[in-house]
N, C-alpha and C. Protein backbone atom coordinates (compact mmCIF):
# COMPACT_ATOMS: atom_id res chain seq x y z
N MET A 1 146.25 80.43 118.86
CA MET A 1 144.98 79.81 119.16
C MET A 1 143.88 80.86 119.27
N THR A 2 144.18 81.99 119.76
CA THR A 2 143.21 83.06 119.90
C THR A 2 142.73 83.53 118.53
N ALA A 3 143.60 83.57 117.54
CA ALA A 3 143.23 84.02 116.20
C ALA A 3 142.21 83.05 115.60
N ARG A 4 142.43 81.73 115.79
CA ARG A 4 141.48 80.74 115.27
C ARG A 4 140.12 80.88 115.95
N TYR A 5 140.17 81.08 117.24
CA TYR A 5 138.91 81.25 117.98
C TYR A 5 138.17 82.48 117.49
N ASP A 6 138.90 83.59 117.28
CA ASP A 6 138.28 84.82 116.80
C ASP A 6 137.67 84.63 115.41
N GLU A 7 138.38 83.91 114.52
CA GLU A 7 137.86 83.65 113.19
C GLU A 7 136.60 82.78 113.24
N ALA A 8 136.62 81.78 114.11
CA ALA A 8 135.45 80.91 114.25
C ALA A 8 134.28 81.70 114.81
N GLU A 9 134.55 82.55 115.75
CA GLU A 9 133.50 83.39 116.34
C GLU A 9 132.91 84.32 115.27
N LYS A 10 133.75 84.94 114.44
CA LYS A 10 133.28 85.82 113.37
C LYS A 10 132.44 85.04 112.36
N ALA A 11 132.89 83.83 112.06
CA ALA A 11 132.15 82.99 111.12
C ALA A 11 130.76 82.67 111.66
N ARG A 12 130.68 82.34 112.96
CA ARG A 12 129.37 82.07 113.59
C ARG A 12 128.49 83.32 113.56
N GLU A 13 129.07 84.47 113.84
CA GLU A 13 128.31 85.72 113.83
C GLU A 13 127.80 86.05 112.42
N GLN A 14 128.65 85.83 111.42
CA GLN A 14 128.23 86.09 110.04
C GLN A 14 127.12 85.12 109.62
N LYS A 15 127.25 83.88 110.03
CA LYS A 15 126.21 82.89 109.70
C LYS A 15 124.89 83.29 110.36
N LYS A 16 124.95 83.71 111.62
CA LYS A 16 123.73 84.14 112.32
C LYS A 16 123.14 85.38 111.65
N ALA A 17 124.02 86.33 111.27
CA ALA A 17 123.55 87.55 110.60
C ALA A 17 122.88 87.19 109.27
N ALA A 18 123.44 86.25 108.51
CA ALA A 18 122.86 85.83 107.24
C ALA A 18 121.50 85.18 107.47
N GLU A 19 121.38 84.35 108.49
CA GLU A 19 120.10 83.72 108.81
C GLU A 19 119.06 84.77 109.22
N ASP A 20 119.49 85.74 110.02
CA ASP A 20 118.58 86.82 110.42
C ASP A 20 118.10 87.62 109.22
N LEU A 21 118.98 87.88 108.27
CA LEU A 21 118.60 88.61 107.06
C LEU A 21 117.61 87.80 106.21
N LYS A 22 117.84 86.49 106.13
CA LYS A 22 116.90 85.64 105.39
C LYS A 22 115.51 85.68 106.02
N LYS A 23 115.47 85.64 107.35
CA LYS A 23 114.18 85.71 108.05
C LYS A 23 113.51 87.06 107.81
N GLU A 24 114.30 88.12 107.87
CA GLU A 24 113.76 89.46 107.65
C GLU A 24 113.23 89.59 106.23
N LEU A 25 113.93 89.02 105.27
CA LEU A 25 113.49 89.06 103.88
C LEU A 25 112.17 88.29 103.72
N ALA A 26 112.08 87.14 104.37
CA ALA A 26 110.85 86.35 104.29
C ALA A 26 109.68 87.14 104.87
N TRP A 27 109.88 87.79 106.00
CA TRP A 27 108.80 88.56 106.60
C TRP A 27 108.45 89.79 105.77
N SER A 28 109.43 90.35 105.07
CA SER A 28 109.11 91.50 104.21
C SER A 28 108.23 91.06 103.05
N HIS A 29 108.45 89.83 102.54
CA HIS A 29 107.56 89.29 101.49
C HIS A 29 106.15 89.09 102.05
N VAL A 30 106.07 88.58 103.25
CA VAL A 30 104.76 88.37 103.89
C VAL A 30 104.05 89.70 104.06
N ALA A 31 104.76 90.71 104.52
CA ALA A 31 104.16 92.03 104.72
C ALA A 31 103.68 92.62 103.39
N ALA A 32 104.46 92.44 102.33
CA ALA A 32 104.07 92.96 101.02
C ALA A 32 102.81 92.26 100.52
N LYS A 33 102.74 90.96 100.68
CA LYS A 33 101.56 90.20 100.25
C LYS A 33 100.34 90.58 101.09
N GLU A 34 100.56 90.81 102.38
CA GLU A 34 99.46 91.22 103.25
C GLU A 34 98.91 92.58 102.81
N GLU A 35 99.78 93.50 102.47
CA GLU A 35 99.36 94.82 102.00
C GLU A 35 98.59 94.69 100.68
N GLU A 36 99.08 93.84 99.80
CA GLU A 36 98.41 93.58 98.52
C GLU A 36 97.00 93.03 98.76
N MET A 37 96.90 92.10 99.70
CA MET A 37 95.61 91.49 100.01
C MET A 37 94.65 92.53 100.60
N LYS A 38 95.14 93.39 101.47
CA LYS A 38 94.29 94.43 102.05
C LYS A 38 93.72 95.34 100.97
N LYS A 39 94.55 95.69 99.99
CA LYS A 39 94.08 96.55 98.89
C LYS A 39 92.98 95.83 98.09
N LYS A 40 93.18 94.54 97.82
CA LYS A 40 92.18 93.79 97.06
C LYS A 40 90.87 93.67 97.84
N ILE A 41 90.97 93.45 99.14
CA ILE A 41 89.77 93.36 99.98
C ILE A 41 89.02 94.69 99.96
N GLU A 42 89.75 95.80 100.02
CA GLU A 42 89.11 97.12 99.97
C GLU A 42 88.44 97.34 98.62
N GLU A 43 89.07 96.90 97.53
CA GLU A 43 88.46 97.02 96.20
C GLU A 43 87.14 96.25 96.14
N VAL A 44 87.15 95.03 96.68
CA VAL A 44 85.94 94.21 96.67
C VAL A 44 84.85 94.86 97.52
N ALA A 45 85.22 95.38 98.68
CA ALA A 45 84.25 96.03 99.55
C ALA A 45 83.65 97.26 98.88
N LYS A 46 84.49 98.02 98.19
CA LYS A 46 84.02 99.22 97.48
C LYS A 46 83.04 98.82 96.38
N ALA A 47 83.38 97.78 95.63
CA ALA A 47 82.48 97.30 94.56
C ALA A 47 81.17 96.80 95.15
N ALA A 48 81.24 96.13 96.28
CA ALA A 48 80.03 95.61 96.93
C ALA A 48 79.12 96.75 97.39
N ARG A 49 79.73 97.86 97.84
CA ARG A 49 78.93 99.01 98.25
C ARG A 49 78.26 99.67 97.05
N ARG A 50 78.90 99.65 95.89
CA ARG A 50 78.36 100.28 94.68
C ARG A 50 77.33 99.39 93.98
N LEU A 51 77.36 98.11 94.21
CA LEU A 51 76.51 97.17 93.48
C LEU A 51 75.02 97.48 93.58
N PRO A 52 74.45 97.76 94.76
CA PRO A 52 73.02 98.06 94.82
C PRO A 52 72.62 99.25 93.95
N LYS A 53 73.44 100.28 93.93
CA LYS A 53 73.13 101.45 93.11
C LYS A 53 73.17 101.09 91.62
N ILE A 54 74.13 100.29 91.23
CA ILE A 54 74.23 99.86 89.83
C ILE A 54 73.03 99.00 89.45
N GLU A 55 72.65 98.08 90.34
CA GLU A 55 71.50 97.22 90.07
C GLU A 55 70.22 98.05 89.95
N GLU A 56 70.07 99.06 90.81
CA GLU A 56 68.90 99.93 90.74
C GLU A 56 68.88 100.69 89.42
N SER A 57 70.01 101.21 89.01
CA SER A 57 70.09 101.91 87.72
C SER A 57 69.74 100.98 86.57
N LEU A 58 70.18 99.76 86.65
CA LEU A 58 69.87 98.77 85.61
C LEU A 58 68.38 98.49 85.56
N LYS A 59 67.75 98.35 86.72
CA LYS A 59 66.30 98.12 86.76
C LYS A 59 65.55 99.31 86.16
N GLU A 60 65.98 100.52 86.52
CA GLU A 60 65.34 101.72 85.97
C GLU A 60 65.50 101.78 84.45
N ALA A 61 66.65 101.43 83.97
CA ALA A 61 66.90 101.45 82.53
C ALA A 61 66.02 100.42 81.82
N GLN A 62 65.82 99.27 82.45
CA GLN A 62 64.97 98.25 81.84
C GLN A 62 63.51 98.67 81.85
N VAL A 63 63.08 99.36 82.89
CA VAL A 63 61.69 99.83 82.98
C VAL A 63 61.46 100.93 81.95
N CYS A 64 62.43 101.80 81.76
CA CYS A 64 62.29 102.93 80.83
C CYS A 64 62.48 102.51 79.38
N SER A 65 62.97 101.33 79.13
CA SER A 65 63.23 100.88 77.77
C SER A 65 61.92 100.72 77.01
N PRO A 66 61.87 101.11 75.72
CA PRO A 66 60.63 100.95 74.95
C PRO A 66 60.27 99.48 74.75
N PHE A 67 61.23 98.61 74.79
CA PHE A 67 60.97 97.17 74.66
C PHE A 67 61.43 96.47 75.92
N SER A 68 60.57 95.71 76.50
CA SER A 68 61.01 94.87 77.60
C SER A 68 61.80 93.73 76.98
N SER A 69 62.45 92.95 77.78
CA SER A 69 63.24 91.85 77.23
C SER A 69 62.32 90.86 76.50
N TYR A 70 61.08 90.69 76.98
CA TYR A 70 60.13 89.78 76.32
C TYR A 70 59.75 90.33 74.95
N GLN A 71 59.45 91.63 74.90
CA GLN A 71 59.06 92.24 73.63
C GLN A 71 60.21 92.22 72.64
N SER A 72 61.40 92.52 73.10
CA SER A 72 62.51 92.57 72.17
C SER A 72 62.84 91.17 71.66
N SER A 73 62.69 90.15 72.49
CA SER A 73 62.96 88.79 71.99
C SER A 73 61.88 88.39 70.99
N ASN A 74 60.63 88.82 71.20
CA ASN A 74 59.58 88.53 70.23
C ASN A 74 59.83 89.27 68.93
N ALA A 75 60.29 90.52 69.01
CA ALA A 75 60.59 91.27 67.79
C ALA A 75 61.71 90.59 67.02
N TYR A 76 62.69 90.11 67.72
CA TYR A 76 63.80 89.40 67.08
C TYR A 76 63.28 88.15 66.38
N THR A 77 62.43 87.39 67.07
CA THR A 77 61.87 86.17 66.49
C THR A 77 61.02 86.51 65.27
N TYR A 78 60.21 87.54 65.37
CA TYR A 78 59.34 87.94 64.26
C TYR A 78 60.18 88.33 63.04
N MET A 79 61.24 89.09 63.27
CA MET A 79 62.09 89.53 62.16
C MET A 79 62.72 88.34 61.46
N HIS A 80 63.06 87.33 62.20
CA HIS A 80 63.73 86.18 61.59
C HIS A 80 62.74 85.18 61.01
N ARG A 81 61.49 85.30 61.30
CA ARG A 81 60.49 84.42 60.70
C ARG A 81 59.91 85.01 59.41
N MET A 82 60.15 86.28 59.19
CA MET A 82 59.62 86.92 58.00
C MET A 82 60.24 86.27 56.76
N PRO A 83 59.44 86.04 55.76
CA PRO A 83 60.00 85.44 54.54
C PRO A 83 60.94 86.42 53.85
N SER A 84 61.92 85.88 53.22
CA SER A 84 62.88 86.72 52.51
C SER A 84 62.27 87.20 51.21
N LYS A 85 62.88 88.16 50.56
CA LYS A 85 62.38 88.69 49.29
C LYS A 85 62.33 87.59 48.24
N ARG A 86 63.27 86.71 48.28
CA ARG A 86 63.33 85.63 47.32
C ARG A 86 62.09 84.74 47.43
N HIS A 87 61.67 84.45 48.67
CA HIS A 87 60.49 83.63 48.88
C HIS A 87 59.22 84.36 48.45
N LEU A 88 59.20 85.66 48.59
CA LEU A 88 58.01 86.44 48.22
C LEU A 88 57.85 86.51 46.70
N GLN A 89 58.93 86.40 45.96
CA GLN A 89 58.86 86.51 44.51
C GLN A 89 58.31 85.26 43.87
N LYS A 90 58.25 84.17 44.54
CA LYS A 90 57.77 82.91 43.96
C LYS A 90 56.29 82.90 43.76
């Protein structure tokens, strides 16, 4: 009778150990995802800190450009309204 009791006790201990390992595995997945999320949040924060400088550089580039967006769109329209050589030959 003692042998059966010992076997049952070992079975209960193994079952508890397996459940504990499953819980530990689940928490390790949570910890990994949390670390992944922290890295992504830091990337977003870094990009947000750089954004004003990038926007300022973009504004400077637009001011220094020989054509403003209005002028360049007008130049584009003018180029496409010009008659083709075929039309000029008529």
